[in-house]
Amino acid sequence: MTATATVIVPAALSAADTLAGSLVDPASIWPDGRPEGWQAWPQSLAGGASGIALLHVERARTGYGDWDTAHNWLAEAVRGEISAASNANLYFGVPALAFVTHRAASATGRYGRVLRRLDEATAGVTRTRLAEAHQRLDREERPPMEEFDLIRGLSGLGAYHLSRYGDAEITHAVLAYLVRLTEPLPDPAGLPPWWMNVGTTGALDADYPGGHGNFGLAHGIGAALAVMSQALLHGLDVPGLAGAVERVCEWTDQWRQGEDSYPWWPGLIDPEQAASGHVAPELRPRPSWCYGVSGTARAQQLAGLALGDPVRVRAAENAILATLRDPAQLDRLPEIGLCHGMAGLLHASWRMAAETGNAQIAAELPRLADRLITALDQPGRDPELLDGSAGAALALHTLGMNHAPAPHWDTFLALA
């Protein structure tokens, strides 16, 4: 972070305190027992105990929570058998637990032995995934979504290793793969090498007979762009890294829509759109983190900073600022969460404003925070991190503090 935009929102900290206070005891959250799929639930960052642990760890290491609560949730997160199998990723299994444990260990000096074990297992998962990915590239086949996306794939694992180790062999290995991911494959239609022959769930889909190209941070090339750009900003010397960022930017520039003062990017395109070079305005995605401008603008800002491209940085900040000032766009996000809702837009906007000291963006945040706080009064909230109260609490807590210490909690969103 190179600058600070001043924004004081006392109500944000108060609301975060209230939310966190409602998430202290697992037994009180689910008085009728654990939700279905309990065997998988603890180690899920998105919907389980490890995600709620992240909230309490962040509050404790910033002086607003207690370590006993954080420790209790960490203990809850490691209940049962922990996956280091093919389904393990930044959001599930040993990498998810390593991510949260690292944040706790960085502030306390505790958890060293368990973190070493989790790190060893995460490195093993990563190396296995890398070997499979390079074999696919050797065959010149198109990637499955879970190979490179943030939630299930190597972009997410790369985000963890960059945050955990910085300039290390395992980080370089993931970045070298991401560089290779951007290198052209034989394709008469000229589709990019990260084009997937699947639908938006990652499975073959009759609605996407020719697959799709995905811009988003959750499941698309936006995550790879963000992670590679962050690596450049950290000074990592990986052959071809800047060129890979430029190749992704060339593609996203081709599909950028709107005016310079209010640009936006599609969430995805299909082969028909790719062939016509046209995306209808009504296909503009909601301004969410997963597919919309909350994520794509941050990735563009990071790329612009990494490449020394102030025009790109300005376009990204214009995109988020115009969204924050557009009631019609804000009305498309009635949900509270980080992935699909207001918390994601709020936090991505805060992160962008703080990165470059953009006071105009910062000035819009109190109004969005008020919208989110009002929405939190509605009953039936899920407690989870990605789409529920824990994520909203983290976004409000960070806004209220106007600070998020490293190692950053929002690395799992590829925002830092």
Protein backbone atom coordinates (compact mmCIF):
# COMPACT_ATOMS: atom_id res chain seq x y z
CA MET A 1 0.00 0.00 0.00
CA THR A 2 1.58 3.24 -1.11
CA ALA A 3 -0.87 5.85 0.17
CA THR A 4 -3.81 6.29 2.50
CA ALA A 5 -7.16 7.87 1.74
CA THR A 6 -8.71 9.11 4.96
CA VAL A 7 -12.19 7.79 5.68
CA ILE A 8 -13.70 7.68 9.16
CA VAL A 9 -16.79 5.50 9.60
CA PRO A 10 -17.41 4.88 13.33
CA ALA A 11 -20.63 3.01 12.55
CA ALA A 12 -18.64 0.44 10.60
CA LEU A 13 -16.60 -0.61 13.63
CA SER A 14 -19.70 -0.71 15.81
CA ALA A 15 -21.54 -2.91 13.31
CA ALA A 16 -18.50 -5.19 12.98
CA ASP A 17 -18.35 -5.54 16.76
CA THR A 18 -22.01 -6.54 16.87
CA LEU A 19 -21.62 -9.08 14.08
CA ALA A 20 -18.48 -10.59 15.59
CA GLY A 21 -20.20 -10.80 18.96
CA SER A 22 -22.93 -12.92 17.39
CA LEU A 23 -20.33 -15.33 16.01
CA VAL A 24 -18.41 -16.18 19.17
CA ASP A 25 -19.85 -19.61 20.00
CA PRO A 26 -20.47 -22.31 17.34
CA ALA A 27 -23.15 -23.87 19.53
CA SER A 28 -25.16 -20.63 19.56
CA ILE A 29 -24.84 -20.17 15.81
CA TRP A 30 -26.41 -23.55 15.10
CA PRO A 31 -28.58 -24.35 18.15
CA ASP A 32 -30.23 -27.21 16.23
CA GLY A 33 -26.93 -28.79 15.22
CA ARG A 34 -24.43 -28.44 12.43
CA PRO A 35 -25.58 -27.88 8.84
CA GLU A 36 -25.62 -30.72 6.33
CA GLY A 37 -22.20 -31.79 5.17
CA TRP A 38 -20.70 -31.31 8.64
CA GLN A 39 -17.78 -33.61 7.81
CA ALA A 40 -16.60 -31.05 5.25
CA TRP A 41 -17.77 -27.96 7.06
CA PRO A 42 -14.95 -27.14 9.52
CA GLN A 43 -12.16 -26.85 6.96
CA SER A 44 -14.12 -24.71 4.48
CA LEU A 45 -12.90 -21.13 4.27
CA ALA A 46 -15.97 -20.06 2.34
CA GLY A 47 -18.68 -21.56 4.51
CA GLY A 48 -17.12 -23.20 7.54
CA ALA A 49 -15.26 -22.76 10.77
CA SER A 50 -11.97 -21.72 9.16
CA GLY A 51 -13.69 -18.73 7.59
CA ILE A 52 -15.22 -17.60 10.87
CA ALA A 53 -11.84 -18.18 12.51
CA LEU A 54 -10.32 -15.72 10.03
CA LEU A 55 -12.69 -13.01 11.27
CA HIS A 56 -11.72 -13.56 14.90
CA VAL A 57 -8.00 -13.82 14.09
CA GLU A 58 -8.11 -10.50 12.24
CA ARG A 59 -9.96 -8.80 15.08
CA ALA A 60 -7.55 -10.20 17.67
CA ARG A 61 -4.42 -9.17 15.82
CA THR A 62 -5.76 -5.64 15.37
CA GLY A 63 -6.67 -5.29 19.04
CA TYR A 64 -10.47 -5.54 18.69
CA GLY A 65 -10.97 -9.17 19.61
CA ASP A 66 -9.56 -11.74 21.99
CA TRP A 67 -7.24 -14.59 21.12
CA ASP A 68 -9.22 -17.11 23.15
CA THR A 69 -12.16 -16.76 20.74
CA ALA A 70 -9.84 -16.94 17.75
CA HIS A 71 -8.14 -20.04 19.17
CA ASN A 72 -11.47 -21.75 19.84
CA TRP A 73 -12.52 -21.24 16.23
CA LEU A 74 -9.14 -22.46 14.95
CA ALA A 75 -9.61 -25.59 17.04
CA GLU A 76 -13.11 -25.98 15.60
CA ALA A 77 -11.68 -25.64 12.08
CA VAL A 78 -9.26 -28.57 12.48
CA ARG A 79 -11.83 -31.03 13.76
CA GLY A 80 -11.90 -34.31 11.92
CA GLU A 81 -9.91 -35.51 8.94
CA ILE A 82 -8.32 -32.68 6.92
CA SER A 83 -8.10 -33.00 3.16
CA ALA A 84 -4.82 -32.83 1.29
CA ALA A 85 -6.35 -34.65 -1.69
CA SER A 86 -7.31 -33.38 -5.14
CA ASN A 87 -10.18 -31.37 -3.65
CA ALA A 88 -7.83 -29.33 -1.43
CA ASN A 89 -7.43 -25.69 -2.41
CA LEU A 90 -7.19 -22.18 -0.94
CA TYR A 91 -10.83 -22.44 0.13
CA PHE A 92 -10.82 -26.00 1.47
CA GLY A 93 -8.56 -28.45 3.29
CA VAL A 94 -4.94 -27.95 4.26
CA PRO A 95 -4.33 -24.79 2.17
CA ALA A 96 -7.34 -23.05 3.72
CA LEU A 97 -6.24 -23.98 7.22
CA ALA A 98 -2.65 -22.96 6.46
CA PHE A 99 -3.91 -19.58 5.26
CA VAL A 100 -5.82 -18.84 8.47
CA THR A 101 -3.18 -20.34 10.76
CA HIS A 102 -0.46 -18.23 9.15
CA ARG A 103 -2.39 -15.06 9.99
CA ALA A 104 -2.68 -16.18 13.62
CA ALA A 105 0.95 -17.27 13.86
CA SER A 106 2.23 -14.00 12.41
CA ALA A 107 0.73 -12.06 15.31
CA THR A 108 1.25 -14.48 18.20
CA GLY A 109 4.33 -16.59 17.49
CA ARG A 110 2.13 -19.60 18.30
CA TYR A 111 0.95 -22.45 16.07
CA GLY A 112 4.42 -22.99 14.59
CA ARG A 113 4.34 -26.79 14.61
CA VAL A 114 0.85 -27.10 13.14
CA LEU A 115 1.65 -24.42 10.55
CA ARG A 116 4.75 -26.32 9.40
CA ARG A 117 2.67 -29.45 8.91
CA LEU A 118 -0.01 -27.56 7.03
CA ASP A 119 2.60 -25.82 4.88
CA GLU A 120 4.26 -29.11 3.97
CA ALA A 121 0.94 -30.58 2.96
CA THR A 122 -0.01 -27.43 1.01
CA ALA A 123 3.29 -27.55 -0.86
CA GLY A 124 2.58 -31.17 -1.76
CA VAL A 125 -0.89 -30.28 -3.03
CA THR A 126 0.59 -27.43 -5.06
CA ARG A 127 3.33 -29.54 -6.66
CA THR A 128 0.84 -32.24 -7.62
CA ARG A 129 -1.46 -29.65 -9.19
CA LEU A 130 1.47 -28.05 -11.03
CA ALA A 131 2.58 -31.38 -12.50
CA GLU A 132 -0.94 -32.07 -13.77
CA ALA A 133 -1.21 -28.57 -15.23
CA HIS A 134 2.08 -28.80 -17.10
CA GLN A 135 1.09 -32.20 -18.49
CA ARG A 136 -2.10 -30.60 -19.82
CA LEU A 137 -0.12 -27.76 -21.38
CA ASP A 138 2.27 -30.27 -22.97
CA ARG A 139 -0.77 -31.87 -24.62
CA GLU A 140 -1.91 -28.41 -25.84
CA GLU A 141 -5.36 -28.94 -24.31
CA ARG A 142 -7.60 -26.27 -22.87
CA PRO A 143 -7.61 -25.86 -19.08
CA PRO A 144 -10.34 -27.04 -16.76
CA MET A 145 -11.62 -24.29 -14.51
CA GLU A 146 -10.28 -25.93 -11.36
CA GLU A 147 -6.75 -25.91 -12.76
CA PHE A 148 -6.16 -22.18 -12.58
CA ASP A 149 -9.01 -20.37 -10.83
CA LEU A 150 -8.75 -18.70 -7.42
CA ILE A 151 -11.18 -20.81 -5.43
CA ARG A 152 -10.13 -24.29 -6.54
CA GLY A 153 -6.99 -23.78 -8.57
CA LEU A 154 -3.42 -22.62 -8.83
CA SER A 155 -4.15 -18.89 -8.75
CA GLY A 156 -5.44 -19.39 -5.22
CA LEU A 157 -2.49 -21.53 -4.21
CA GLY A 158 -0.16 -18.97 -5.76
CA ALA A 159 -1.83 -16.19 -3.77
CA TYR A 160 -1.17 -18.16 -0.59
CA HIS A 161 2.47 -18.92 -1.35
CA LEU A 162 3.19 -15.32 -2.37
CA SER A 163 1.67 -14.10 0.88
CA ARG A 164 3.32 -16.79 2.99
CA TYR A 165 6.82 -16.93 1.52
CA GLY A 166 7.24 -14.08 -0.96
CA ASP A 167 10.28 -14.78 -3.13
CA ALA A 168 10.57 -18.56 -2.76
CA GLU A 169 10.91 -21.58 -5.04
CA ILE A 170 7.29 -22.70 -4.60
CA THR A 171 6.05 -19.19 -5.41
CA HIS A 172 8.20 -19.03 -8.52
CA ALA A 173 6.91 -22.43 -9.63
CA VAL A 174 3.29 -21.31 -9.48
CA LEU A 175 4.06 -18.01 -11.20
CA ALA A 176 5.98 -19.84 -13.96
CA TYR A 177 2.85 -21.92 -14.54
CA LEU A 178 0.66 -18.81 -14.69
CA VAL A 179 3.05 -17.33 -17.25
CA ARG A 180 2.78 -20.49 -19.31
CA LEU A 181 -1.02 -20.41 -18.98
CA THR A 182 -1.03 -17.14 -20.95
CA GLU A 183 1.13 -18.43 -23.81
CA PRO A 184 -0.91 -19.09 -26.98
CA LEU A 185 -2.25 -22.52 -27.81
CA PRO A 186 -3.00 -23.58 -31.39
CA ASP A 187 -6.50 -22.25 -32.05
CA PRO A 188 -7.96 -21.31 -35.44
CA ALA A 189 -10.58 -19.12 -33.74
CA GLY A 190 -7.92 -17.10 -31.94
CA LEU A 191 -9.35 -17.78 -28.51
CA PRO A 192 -7.04 -17.09 -25.54
CA PRO A 193 -5.16 -20.00 -23.95
CA TRP A 194 -7.17 -19.72 -20.73
CA TRP A 195 -10.46 -20.29 -22.60
CA MET A 196 -12.31 -23.20 -20.97
CA ASN A 197 -14.40 -25.81 -22.77
CA VAL A 198 -16.88 -25.90 -19.88
CA GLY A 199 -19.72 -23.87 -18.42
CA THR A 200 -19.64 -21.55 -15.45
CA THR A 201 -19.79 -24.41 -12.93
CA GLY A 202 -16.62 -25.94 -14.33
CA ALA A 203 -18.54 -28.85 -15.88
CA LEU A 204 -19.59 -29.47 -19.47
CA ASP A 205 -22.79 -27.55 -20.06
CA ALA A 206 -25.23 -27.63 -22.98
CA ASP A 207 -25.70 -23.88 -22.53
CA TYR A 208 -21.99 -23.39 -23.25
CA PRO A 209 -21.28 -25.82 -26.08
CA GLY A 210 -18.09 -23.99 -26.98
CA GLY A 211 -17.10 -23.18 -23.43
CA HIS A 212 -16.39 -19.65 -22.26
CA GLY A 213 -13.76 -17.06 -21.48
CA ASN A 214 -14.00 -15.88 -17.88
CA PHE A 215 -12.86 -12.46 -16.63
CA GLY A 216 -13.75 -12.87 -12.97
CA LEU A 217 -11.61 -13.12 -9.85
CA ALA A 218 -13.38 -16.21 -8.50
CA HIS A 219 -13.14 -18.46 -11.53
CA GLY A 220 -11.46 -16.56 -14.35
CA ILE A 221 -8.28 -15.00 -15.63
CA GLY A 222 -8.79 -12.00 -13.35
CA ALA A 223 -7.34 -13.99 -10.44
CA ALA A 224 -4.21 -14.91 -12.38
CA LEU A 225 -3.84 -11.26 -13.45
CA ALA A 226 -4.12 -10.06 -9.86
CA VAL A 227 -1.65 -12.60 -8.46
CA MET A 228 0.93 -12.04 -11.21
CA SER A 229 0.62 -8.27 -10.81
CA GLN A 230 1.11 -8.54 -7.06
CA ALA A 231 4.22 -10.64 -7.65
CA LEU A 232 5.63 -7.93 -9.93
CA LEU A 233 4.86 -5.31 -7.30
CA HIS A 234 6.74 -7.45 -4.76
CA GLY A 235 9.76 -7.44 -7.09
CA LEU A 236 9.77 -11.15 -7.95
CA ASP A 237 12.02 -11.90 -10.92
CA VAL A 238 10.13 -14.60 -12.83
CA PRO A 239 10.94 -14.94 -16.55
CA GLY A 240 8.10 -13.72 -18.73
CA LEU A 241 5.96 -12.43 -15.86
CA ALA A 242 5.51 -8.88 -17.13
CA GLY A 243 4.77 -10.18 -20.61
CA ALA A 244 2.11 -12.50 -19.21
CA VAL A 245 0.41 -9.59 -17.43
CA GLU A 246 0.52 -7.61 -20.67
CA ARG A 247 -1.06 -10.48 -22.64
CA VAL A 248 -3.96 -10.73 -20.22
CA CYS A 249 -4.39 -6.95 -20.31
CA GLU A 250 -4.49 -6.97 -24.10
CA TRP A 251 -7.42 -9.40 -23.96
CA THR A 252 -9.29 -7.54 -21.24
CA ASP A 253 -8.73 -4.25 -23.11
CA GLN A 254 -10.27 -5.80 -26.21
CA TRP A 255 -13.45 -6.49 -24.24
CA ARG A 256 -13.61 -3.40 -22.08
CA GLN A 257 -16.98 -1.70 -22.47
CA GLY A 258 -18.39 1.76 -21.73
CA GLU A 259 -16.78 5.17 -21.71
CA ASP A 260 -13.40 6.08 -20.26
CA SER A 261 -15.19 7.70 -17.32
CA TYR A 262 -17.32 4.61 -16.65
CA PRO A 263 -15.71 1.46 -18.08
CA TRP A 264 -16.77 -2.08 -17.28
CA TRP A 265 -15.75 -5.59 -18.25
CA PRO A 266 -17.92 -8.62 -19.00
CA GLY A 267 -18.06 -11.40 -16.47
CA LEU A 268 -17.58 -13.89 -19.28
CA ILE A 269 -18.00 -14.28 -23.03
CA ASP A 270 -19.06 -17.24 -25.15
CA PRO A 271 -17.76 -18.25 -28.59
CA GLU A 272 -20.52 -16.36 -30.42
CA GLN A 273 -19.59 -13.14 -28.66
CA ALA A 274 -15.91 -13.83 -29.24
CA ALA A 275 -16.55 -14.26 -32.97
CA SER A 276 -18.71 -11.14 -33.27
CA GLY A 277 -16.55 -9.00 -31.03
CA HIS A 278 -19.70 -7.69 -29.34
CA VAL A 279 -21.12 -7.85 -25.81
CA ALA A 280 -24.64 -6.48 -25.36
CA PRO A 281 -24.98 -3.82 -22.65
CA GLU A 282 -27.62 -5.87 -20.85
CA LEU A 283 -24.97 -8.53 -20.23
CA ARG A 284 -23.06 -6.23 -17.92
CA PRO A 285 -22.51 -8.20 -14.71
CA ARG A 286 -23.60 -7.08 -11.29
CA PRO A 287 -20.83 -5.14 -9.49
CA SER A 288 -19.92 -8.13 -7.34
CA TRP A 289 -16.46 -9.41 -6.44
CA CYS A 290 -16.76 -12.79 -8.14
CA TYR A 291 -17.63 -11.68 -11.69
CA GLY A 292 -18.20 -7.94 -11.58
CA VAL A 293 -16.36 -4.68 -11.26
CA SER A 294 -15.50 -5.19 -7.57
CA GLY A 295 -12.99 -7.78 -8.71
CA THR A 296 -12.16 -6.85 -12.29
CA ALA A 297 -11.39 -3.22 -11.49
CA ARG A 298 -9.03 -4.17 -8.67
CA ALA A 299 -7.21 -6.61 -10.96
CA GLN A 300 -6.85 -3.85 -13.54
CA GLN A 301 -5.58 -1.40 -10.94
CA LEU A 302 -2.96 -3.89 -9.77
CA ALA A 303 -1.90 -4.57 -13.36
CA GLY A 304 -1.59 -0.86 -14.06
CA LEU A 305 0.56 -0.35 -10.98
CA ALA A 306 2.71 -3.36 -11.82
CA LEU A 307 3.27 -2.24 -15.42
CA GLY A 308 3.73 1.44 -14.59
CA ASP A 309 0.60 2.27 -16.62
CA PRO A 310 -1.22 5.23 -15.02
CA VAL A 311 -3.90 5.22 -17.73
CA ARG A 312 -4.91 1.68 -16.73
CA VAL A 313 -4.91 2.61 -13.05
CA ARG A 314 -7.12 5.62 -13.75
CA ALA A 315 -9.56 3.55 -15.83
CA ALA A 316 -9.87 1.00 -13.04
CA GLU A 317 -10.49 3.66 -10.41
CA ASN A 318 -12.98 5.43 -12.70
CA ALA A 319 -14.86 2.13 -13.04
CA ILE A 320 -15.21 1.62 -9.29
CA LEU A 321 -15.95 5.28 -8.57
CA ALA A 322 -18.70 5.48 -11.19
CA THR A 323 -20.23 2.28 -9.82
CA LEU A 324 -20.28 3.65 -6.30
CA ARG A 325 -22.08 6.75 -7.59
CA ASP A 326 -24.67 4.81 -9.62
CA PRO A 327 -27.79 3.92 -7.59
CA ALA A 328 -28.96 1.52 -10.29
CA GLN A 329 -25.77 -0.52 -9.97
CA LEU A 330 -25.87 -0.48 -6.18
CA ASP A 331 -29.44 -1.72 -6.27
CA ARG A 332 -28.19 -4.82 -8.10
CA LEU A 333 -26.35 -5.89 -4.92
CA PRO A 334 -28.97 -6.42 -2.22
CA GLU A 335 -26.93 -9.23 -0.61
CA ILE A 336 -24.50 -8.63 2.25
CA GLY A 337 -21.63 -10.94 1.30
CA LEU A 338 -18.09 -10.62 0.02
CA CYS A 339 -18.69 -12.79 -3.05
CA HIS A 340 -22.08 -11.69 -4.33
CA GLY A 341 -22.93 -8.67 -2.26
CA MET A 342 -22.22 -5.25 -0.83
CA ALA A 343 -19.36 -6.32 1.42
CA GLY A 344 -17.30 -7.32 -1.60
CA LEU A 345 -17.85 -3.99 -3.33
CA LEU A 346 -17.19 -2.09 -0.11
CA HIS A 347 -13.93 -3.85 0.62
CA ALA A 348 -12.60 -3.85 -2.95
CA SER A 349 -13.34 -0.13 -3.13
CA TRP A 350 -11.60 0.49 0.20
CA ARG A 351 -8.58 -1.49 -0.97
CA MET A 352 -8.39 0.47 -4.23
CA ALA A 353 -8.77 3.83 -2.47
CA ALA A 354 -6.13 2.94 0.10
CA GLU A 355 -3.68 1.70 -2.54
CA THR A 356 -3.32 5.03 -4.31
CA GLY A 357 -4.87 7.48 -1.87
CA ASN A 358 -7.93 8.05 -4.05
CA ALA A 359 -9.99 10.44 -1.92
CA GLN A 360 -12.93 10.41 -4.32
CA ILE A 361 -13.44 6.68 -3.89
CA ALA A 362 -12.94 6.97 -0.14
CA ALA A 363 -15.62 9.66 0.09
CA GLU A 364 -18.25 7.26 -1.31
CA LEU A 365 -17.57 4.47 1.18
CA PRO A 366 -19.61 5.74 4.16
CA ARG A 367 -22.80 5.67 2.09
CA LEU A 368 -22.16 2.13 0.93
CA ALA A 369 -21.33 1.11 4.49
CA ASP A 370 -24.67 2.53 5.63
CA ARG A 371 -26.46 0.45 2.98
CA LEU A 372 -24.68 -2.67 4.17
CA ILE A 373 -25.39 -1.98 7.84
CA THR A 374 -29.07 -1.44 7.06
CA ALA A 375 -29.20 -4.71 5.13
CA LEU A 376 -27.67 -6.55 8.08
CA ASP A 377 -30.81 -5.82 10.09
CA GLN A 378 -32.70 -8.34 7.95
CA PRO A 379 -33.22 -11.80 9.49
CA GLY A 380 -31.88 -15.07 8.15
CA ARG A 381 -28.23 -14.18 7.64
CA ASP A 382 -25.77 -17.02 7.09
CA PRO A 383 -22.75 -16.85 9.43
CA GLU A 384 -20.20 -17.79 6.77
CA LEU A 385 -17.24 -15.83 5.44
CA LEU A 386 -17.85 -15.68 1.71
CA ASP A 387 -21.54 -14.84 1.56
CA GLY A 388 -22.54 -14.15 5.13
CA SER A 389 -22.03 -12.23 8.35
CA ALA A 390 -18.35 -13.07 8.91
CA GLY A 391 -17.35 -11.54 5.57
CA ALA A 392 -19.52 -8.47 6.10
CA ALA A 393 -17.96 -8.04 9.54
CA LEU A 394 -14.44 -8.20 8.10
CA ALA A 395 -15.24 -5.59 5.45
CA LEU A 396 -16.79 -3.24 8.02
CA HIS A 397 -14.00 -3.83 10.52
CA THR A 398 -11.34 -2.95 7.95
CA LEU A 399 -13.21 0.14 6.81
CA GLY A 400 -13.67 1.28 10.40
CA MET A 401 -9.97 0.81 11.15
CA ASN A 402 -8.90 2.14 7.73
CA HIS A 403 -6.10 -0.42 7.97
CA ALA A 404 -5.48 -4.09 7.23
CA PRO A 405 -2.12 -5.40 8.46
CA ALA A 406 0.01 -7.85 6.55
CA PRO A 407 -0.27 -10.72 5.99
CA HIS A 408 -3.55 -9.49 4.55
CA TRP A 409 -6.79 -11.30 5.26
CA ASP A 410 -8.15 -10.38 1.80
CA THR A 411 -5.43 -12.33 -0.01
CA PHE A 412 -7.98 -15.12 -0.32
CA LEU A 413 -10.00 -12.72 -2.52
CA ALA A 414 -6.88 -11.81 -4.59
CA LEU A 415 -7.43 -8.20 -3.54
CA ALA A 416 -4.11 -7.92 -1.67
